[in-house]
Amino acid sequence: MSEQETQSRVDGAAPLHDGQTPVVQAPQQADESQPAAPSNAAVHTQTHEALAEPVHVLPASKPDNPAPVQHPVAPPAHNPGMTFKEFSQMAGAMVFVVCFVALGLHAIYYAGY
């Protein structure tokens, strides 16, 4: 399929489906406050001019100075184990889950299942 055939399909009206009525659009008045849109031919020409310029890829070269080696962050000096805050959060989560299960079982028992 040629480029002209593709362009004519894009510019043309879409085919009508069953039950659709053709809609005729009134020509738009030219407004001086807005600049005129470039024509398809102008855009097409500008696109081909931009794409015609070759892309220059520079060859990879060895750097002058090697990158410095980054050392990992040192681990903490001491491992205190589980803190009170972590323990409280874990206990609270477990209480929440147990209460949620108890509430669900109560609802099932109350509903008679």
N, C-alpha and C. Protein backbone atom coordinates (compact mmCIF):
# COMPACT_ATOMS: atom_id res chain seq x y z
N MET A 1 0.85 -1.16 0.00
CA MET A 1 0.00 0.00 0.00
C MET A 1 0.90 1.23 0.00
N SER A 2 0.61 2.17 -0.85
CA SER A 2 1.46 3.35 -0.97
C SER A 2 1.10 4.37 0.11
N GLU A 3 1.98 5.33 0.26
CA GLU A 3 1.77 6.39 1.25
C GLU A 3 0.57 7.25 0.89
N GLN A 4 0.37 7.48 -0.39
CA GLN A 4 -0.77 8.30 -0.82
C GLN A 4 -2.09 7.61 -0.51
N GLU A 5 -2.15 6.28 -0.71
CA GLU A 5 -3.37 5.56 -0.38
C GLU A 5 -3.66 5.62 1.11
N THR A 6 -2.62 5.47 1.91
CA THR A 6 -2.80 5.54 3.36
C THR A 6 -3.27 6.93 3.76
N GLN A 7 -2.66 7.96 3.20
CA GLN A 7 -3.02 9.33 3.54
C GLN A 7 -4.45 9.64 3.12
N SER A 8 -4.88 9.14 1.96
CA SER A 8 -6.25 9.40 1.52
C SER A 8 -7.25 8.72 2.44
N ARG A 9 -6.90 7.57 2.99
CA ARG A 9 -7.80 6.90 3.92
C ARG A 9 -7.88 7.67 5.24
N VAL A 10 -6.78 8.25 5.68
CA VAL A 10 -6.78 9.00 6.93
C VAL A 10 -7.57 10.28 6.76
N ASP A 11 -7.40 10.97 5.65
CA ASP A 11 -8.09 12.24 5.42
C ASP A 11 -9.55 12.05 5.08
N GLY A 12 -9.93 10.92 4.56
CA GLY A 12 -11.31 10.71 4.12
C GLY A 12 -12.24 10.49 5.31
N ALA A 13 -13.53 10.49 5.02
CA ALA A 13 -14.52 10.28 6.06
C ALA A 13 -14.59 8.80 6.41
N ALA A 14 -14.96 8.53 7.64
CA ALA A 14 -15.09 7.16 8.10
C ALA A 14 -16.35 6.54 7.48
N PRO A 15 -16.33 5.26 7.20
CA PRO A 15 -17.51 4.63 6.63
C PRO A 15 -18.65 4.63 7.64
N LEU A 16 -19.87 4.76 7.13
CA LEU A 16 -21.04 4.79 8.00
C LEU A 16 -21.47 3.37 8.34
N HIS A 17 -21.94 3.19 9.57
CA HIS A 17 -22.46 1.91 10.01
C HIS A 17 -23.96 1.89 9.80
N ASP A 18 -24.57 0.73 10.01
CA ASP A 18 -26.02 0.61 9.84
C ASP A 18 -26.74 1.54 10.80
N GLY A 19 -27.69 2.28 10.31
CA GLY A 19 -28.50 3.16 11.14
C GLY A 19 -27.93 4.55 11.33
N GLN A 20 -26.73 4.82 10.83
CA GLN A 20 -26.14 6.14 10.97
C GLN A 20 -26.58 7.02 9.81
N THR A 21 -26.76 8.30 10.10
CA THR A 21 -27.08 9.26 9.05
C THR A 21 -25.88 10.15 8.83
N PRO A 22 -25.60 10.51 7.60
CA PRO A 22 -24.44 11.36 7.34
C PRO A 22 -24.64 12.74 7.96
N VAL A 23 -23.60 13.27 8.57
CA VAL A 23 -23.63 14.58 9.19
C VAL A 23 -22.81 15.52 8.32
N VAL A 24 -23.41 16.61 7.92
CA VAL A 24 -22.72 17.60 7.10
C VAL A 24 -22.25 18.71 8.01
N GLN A 25 -20.94 18.98 8.00
CA GLN A 25 -20.39 20.03 8.84
C GLN A 25 -20.33 21.33 8.06
N ALA A 26 -20.71 22.41 8.74
CA ALA A 26 -20.64 23.72 8.12
C ALA A 26 -19.18 24.16 8.05
N PRO A 27 -18.79 24.84 6.97
CA PRO A 27 -17.40 25.31 6.91
C PRO A 27 -17.13 26.30 8.03
N GLN A 28 -15.96 26.19 8.63
CA GLN A 28 -15.61 27.06 9.74
C GLN A 28 -15.11 28.40 9.23
N GLN A 29 -15.50 29.44 9.94
CA GLN A 29 -15.06 30.79 9.60
C GLN A 29 -13.61 30.96 10.05
N ALA A 30 -12.82 31.65 9.26
CA ALA A 30 -11.43 31.92 9.62
C ALA A 30 -11.43 32.98 10.71
N ASP A 31 -10.75 32.71 11.79
CA ASP A 31 -10.68 33.64 12.92
C ASP A 31 -9.30 34.29 12.91
N GLU A 32 -9.25 35.61 12.95
CA GLU A 32 -7.97 36.31 12.90
C GLU A 32 -7.18 36.15 14.19
N SER A 33 -7.86 35.82 15.30
CA SER A 33 -7.15 35.72 16.58
C SER A 33 -6.30 34.45 16.65
N GLN A 34 -6.67 33.41 15.90
CA GLN A 34 -5.91 32.18 15.93
C GLN A 34 -5.13 32.05 14.63
N PRO A 35 -3.86 31.65 14.72
CA PRO A 35 -3.09 31.46 13.48
C PRO A 35 -3.61 30.26 12.72
N ALA A 36 -3.47 30.32 11.41
CA ALA A 36 -3.93 29.23 10.56
C ALA A 36 -3.08 27.99 10.79
N ALA A 37 -3.71 26.85 10.80
CA ALA A 37 -2.99 25.60 10.98
C ALA A 37 -2.22 25.29 9.69
N PRO A 38 -1.03 24.72 9.81
CA PRO A 38 -0.27 24.39 8.60
C PRO A 38 -0.98 23.29 7.83
N SER A 39 -0.83 23.32 6.55
CA SER A 39 -1.49 22.31 5.71
C SER A 39 -0.78 20.97 5.85
N ASN A 40 -1.45 19.93 5.42
CA ASN A 40 -0.86 18.60 5.49
C ASN A 40 0.40 18.50 4.66
N ALA A 41 0.42 19.18 3.53
CA ALA A 41 1.61 19.13 2.67
C ALA A 41 2.80 19.77 3.37
N ALA A 42 2.54 20.90 4.07
CA ALA A 42 3.64 21.57 4.77
C ALA A 42 4.18 20.71 5.90
N VAL A 43 3.28 20.09 6.64
CA VAL A 43 3.71 19.21 7.73
C VAL A 43 4.46 18.02 7.17
N HIS A 44 3.95 17.47 6.08
CA HIS A 44 4.58 16.32 5.44
C HIS A 44 6.01 16.68 4.99
N THR A 45 6.16 17.87 4.38
CA THR A 45 7.48 18.32 3.92
C THR A 45 8.42 18.53 5.09
N GLN A 46 7.94 19.18 6.15
CA GLN A 46 8.79 19.42 7.32
C GLN A 46 9.21 18.12 7.98
N THR A 47 8.32 17.16 8.01
CA THR A 47 8.65 15.87 8.61
C THR A 47 9.73 15.17 7.81
N HIS A 48 9.60 15.17 6.49
CA HIS A 48 10.61 14.50 5.66
C HIS A 48 11.95 15.23 5.74
N GLU A 49 11.94 16.55 5.87
CA GLU A 49 13.20 17.29 6.03
C GLU A 49 13.87 16.93 7.34
N ALA A 50 13.10 16.81 8.40
CA ALA A 50 13.67 16.49 9.70
C ALA A 50 14.20 15.06 9.74
N LEU A 51 13.47 14.14 9.09
CA LEU A 51 13.90 12.74 9.11
C LEU A 51 15.02 12.45 8.13
N ALA A 52 15.24 13.35 7.18
CA ALA A 52 16.30 13.11 6.20
C ALA A 52 17.68 13.33 6.79
N GLU A 53 17.77 14.11 7.87
CA GLU A 53 19.08 14.36 8.49
C GLU A 53 19.55 13.09 9.17
N PRO A 54 20.80 12.69 8.91
CA PRO A 54 21.29 11.46 9.52
C PRO A 54 21.54 11.65 11.02
N VAL A 55 21.42 10.57 11.74
CA VAL A 55 21.71 10.59 13.16
C VAL A 55 23.14 10.13 13.35
N HIS A 56 23.94 10.96 13.99
CA HIS A 56 25.35 10.64 14.20
C HIS A 56 25.52 10.00 15.57
N VAL A 57 26.00 8.77 15.60
CA VAL A 57 26.25 8.06 16.84
C VAL A 57 27.75 8.05 17.05
N LEU A 58 28.18 8.61 18.18
CA LEU A 58 29.60 8.65 18.46
C LEU A 58 30.05 7.28 18.96
N PRO A 59 31.25 6.85 18.57
CA PRO A 59 31.73 5.55 19.05
C PRO A 59 32.05 5.63 20.53
N ALA A 60 31.90 4.49 21.19
CA ALA A 60 32.20 4.45 22.61
C ALA A 60 33.70 4.59 22.81
N SER A 61 34.07 5.41 23.76
CA SER A 61 35.50 5.59 24.05
C SER A 61 35.76 5.29 25.51
N LYS A 62 36.97 4.92 25.81
CA LYS A 62 37.35 4.59 27.17
C LYS A 62 37.44 5.88 27.98
N PRO A 63 36.85 5.93 29.17
CA PRO A 63 36.91 7.17 29.96
C PRO A 63 38.33 7.45 30.44
N ASP A 64 38.60 8.73 30.65
CA ASP A 64 39.93 9.13 31.12
C ASP A 64 40.21 8.59 32.52
N ASN A 65 39.26 8.76 33.40
CA ASN A 65 39.40 8.28 34.78
C ASN A 65 38.31 7.26 35.07
N PRO A 66 38.66 6.13 35.65
CA PRO A 66 37.62 5.17 35.98
C PRO A 66 36.72 5.73 37.08
N ALA A 67 35.49 5.27 37.10
CA ALA A 67 34.56 5.73 38.11
C ALA A 67 34.98 5.21 39.48
N PRO A 68 34.79 6.02 40.51
CA PRO A 68 35.18 5.56 41.84
C PRO A 68 34.30 4.40 42.31
N VAL A 69 34.88 3.49 43.06
CA VAL A 69 34.15 2.34 43.57
C VAL A 69 33.33 2.80 44.76
N GLN A 70 32.05 2.52 44.72
CA GLN A 70 31.19 2.92 45.82
C GLN A 70 31.08 1.76 46.80
N HIS A 71 31.38 2.03 48.05
CA HIS A 71 31.32 1.00 49.07
C HIS A 71 29.91 0.97 49.66
N PRO A 72 29.43 -0.21 50.02
CA PRO A 72 28.09 -0.29 50.60
C PRO A 72 28.05 0.40 51.96
N VAL A 73 26.85 0.75 52.37
CA VAL A 73 26.68 1.39 53.67
C VAL A 73 26.98 0.37 54.75
N ALA A 74 27.69 0.81 55.77
CA ALA A 74 28.07 -0.09 56.86
C ALA A 74 26.83 -0.48 57.66
N PRO A 75 26.76 -1.75 58.08
CA PRO A 75 25.62 -2.16 58.89
C PRO A 75 25.68 -1.51 60.27
N PRO A 76 24.57 -1.50 61.00
CA PRO A 76 24.62 -0.89 62.33
C PRO A 76 25.62 -1.62 63.22
N ALA A 77 26.17 -0.87 64.16
CA ALA A 77 27.22 -1.42 65.02
C ALA A 77 26.68 -2.54 65.91
N HIS A 78 25.46 -2.43 66.37
CA HIS A 78 24.90 -3.47 67.22
C HIS A 78 23.47 -3.78 66.76
N ASN A 79 23.05 -5.00 67.00
CA ASN A 79 21.72 -5.43 66.61
C ASN A 79 20.89 -5.58 67.89
N PRO A 80 20.06 -4.61 68.21
CA PRO A 80 19.34 -4.67 69.48
C PRO A 80 18.21 -5.69 69.48
N GLY A 81 17.92 -6.32 68.34
CA GLY A 81 16.80 -7.25 68.27
C GLY A 81 15.53 -6.49 67.98
N MET A 82 14.42 -6.97 68.47
CA MET A 82 13.13 -6.34 68.21
C MET A 82 12.93 -5.20 69.22
N THR A 83 12.64 -4.03 68.71
CA THR A 83 12.38 -2.89 69.59
C THR A 83 10.96 -2.97 70.12
N PHE A 84 10.67 -2.16 71.14
CA PHE A 84 9.33 -2.15 71.73
C PHE A 84 8.29 -1.70 70.72
N LYS A 85 8.67 -0.74 69.87
CA LYS A 85 7.73 -0.23 68.86
C LYS A 85 7.37 -1.35 67.88
N GLU A 86 8.36 -2.09 67.40
CA GLU A 86 8.09 -3.19 66.47
C GLU A 86 7.23 -4.27 67.13
N PHE A 87 7.54 -4.57 68.39
CA PHE A 87 6.76 -5.58 69.11
C PHE A 87 5.30 -5.12 69.28
N SER A 88 5.11 -3.83 69.61
CA SER A 88 3.75 -3.30 69.78
C SER A 88 2.98 -3.35 68.48
N GLN A 89 3.63 -3.02 67.38
CA GLN A 89 2.95 -3.06 66.09
C GLN A 89 2.55 -4.49 65.72
N MET A 90 3.44 -5.43 65.96
CA MET A 90 3.14 -6.83 65.63
C MET A 90 2.01 -7.36 66.50
N ALA A 91 2.04 -7.03 67.79
CA ALA A 91 0.98 -7.49 68.70
C ALA A 91 -0.36 -6.86 68.30
N GLY A 92 -0.35 -5.58 67.95
CA GLY A 92 -1.59 -4.92 67.53
C GLY A 92 -2.16 -5.54 66.27
N ALA A 93 -1.29 -5.90 65.33
CA ALA A 93 -1.76 -6.54 64.10
C ALA A 93 -2.36 -7.90 64.39
N MET A 94 -1.75 -8.64 65.29
CA MET A 94 -2.27 -9.97 65.63
C MET A 94 -3.61 -9.86 66.35
N VAL A 95 -3.76 -8.88 67.24
CA VAL A 95 -5.03 -8.68 67.93
C VAL A 95 -6.11 -8.29 66.92
N PHE A 96 -5.76 -7.44 65.96
CA PHE A 96 -6.73 -7.04 64.93
C PHE A 96 -7.21 -8.26 64.15
N VAL A 97 -6.31 -9.13 63.75
CA VAL A 97 -6.68 -10.31 62.96
C VAL A 97 -7.56 -11.25 63.78
N VAL A 98 -7.19 -11.47 65.04
CA VAL A 98 -7.97 -12.37 65.89
C VAL A 98 -9.37 -11.80 66.11
N CYS A 99 -9.48 -10.49 66.36
CA CYS A 99 -10.80 -9.88 66.55
C CYS A 99 -11.62 -9.94 65.27
N PHE A 100 -10.99 -9.76 64.13
CA PHE A 100 -11.69 -9.82 62.85
C PHE A 100 -12.25 -11.21 62.62
N VAL A 101 -11.47 -12.24 62.93
CA VAL A 101 -11.93 -13.62 62.76
C VAL A 101 -13.06 -13.90 63.74
N ALA A 102 -12.93 -13.44 64.99
CA ALA A 102 -13.99 -13.66 65.97
C ALA A 102 -15.28 -12.98 65.54
N LEU A 103 -15.19 -11.77 65.01
CA LEU A 103 -16.37 -11.06 64.53
C LEU A 103 -17.01 -11.81 63.37
N GLY A 104 -16.21 -12.33 62.45
CA GLY A 104 -16.73 -13.10 61.33
C GLY A 104 -17.41 -14.37 61.78
N LEU A 105 -16.80 -15.09 62.73
CA LEU A 105 -17.41 -16.32 63.24
C LEU A 105 -18.70 -16.02 63.98
N HIS A 106 -18.73 -14.92 64.73
CA HIS A 106 -19.95 -14.54 65.42
C HIS A 106 -21.06 -14.23 64.41
N ALA A 107 -20.72 -13.53 63.32
CA ALA A 107 -21.72 -13.20 62.31
C ALA A 107 -22.25 -14.47 61.65
N ILE A 108 -21.37 -15.42 61.40
CA ILE A 108 -21.80 -16.68 60.79
C ILE A 108 -22.71 -17.45 61.75
N TYR A 109 -22.36 -17.50 63.04
CA TYR A 109 -23.18 -18.19 64.03
C TYR A 109 -24.53 -17.52 64.18
N TYR A 110 -24.52 -16.17 64.21
CA TYR A 110 -25.77 -15.41 64.38
C TYR A 110 -26.68 -15.59 63.18
N ALA A 111 -26.11 -15.69 61.97
CA ALA A 111 -26.91 -15.86 60.76
C ALA A 111 -27.48 -17.26 60.65
N GLY A 112 -26.95 -18.21 61.41
CA GLY A 112 -27.49 -19.55 61.42
C GLY A 112 -26.88 -20.48 60.39
N TYR A 113 -25.70 -20.18 59.90
CA TYR A 113 -25.06 -21.08 58.94
C TYR A 113 -24.36 -22.20 59.62
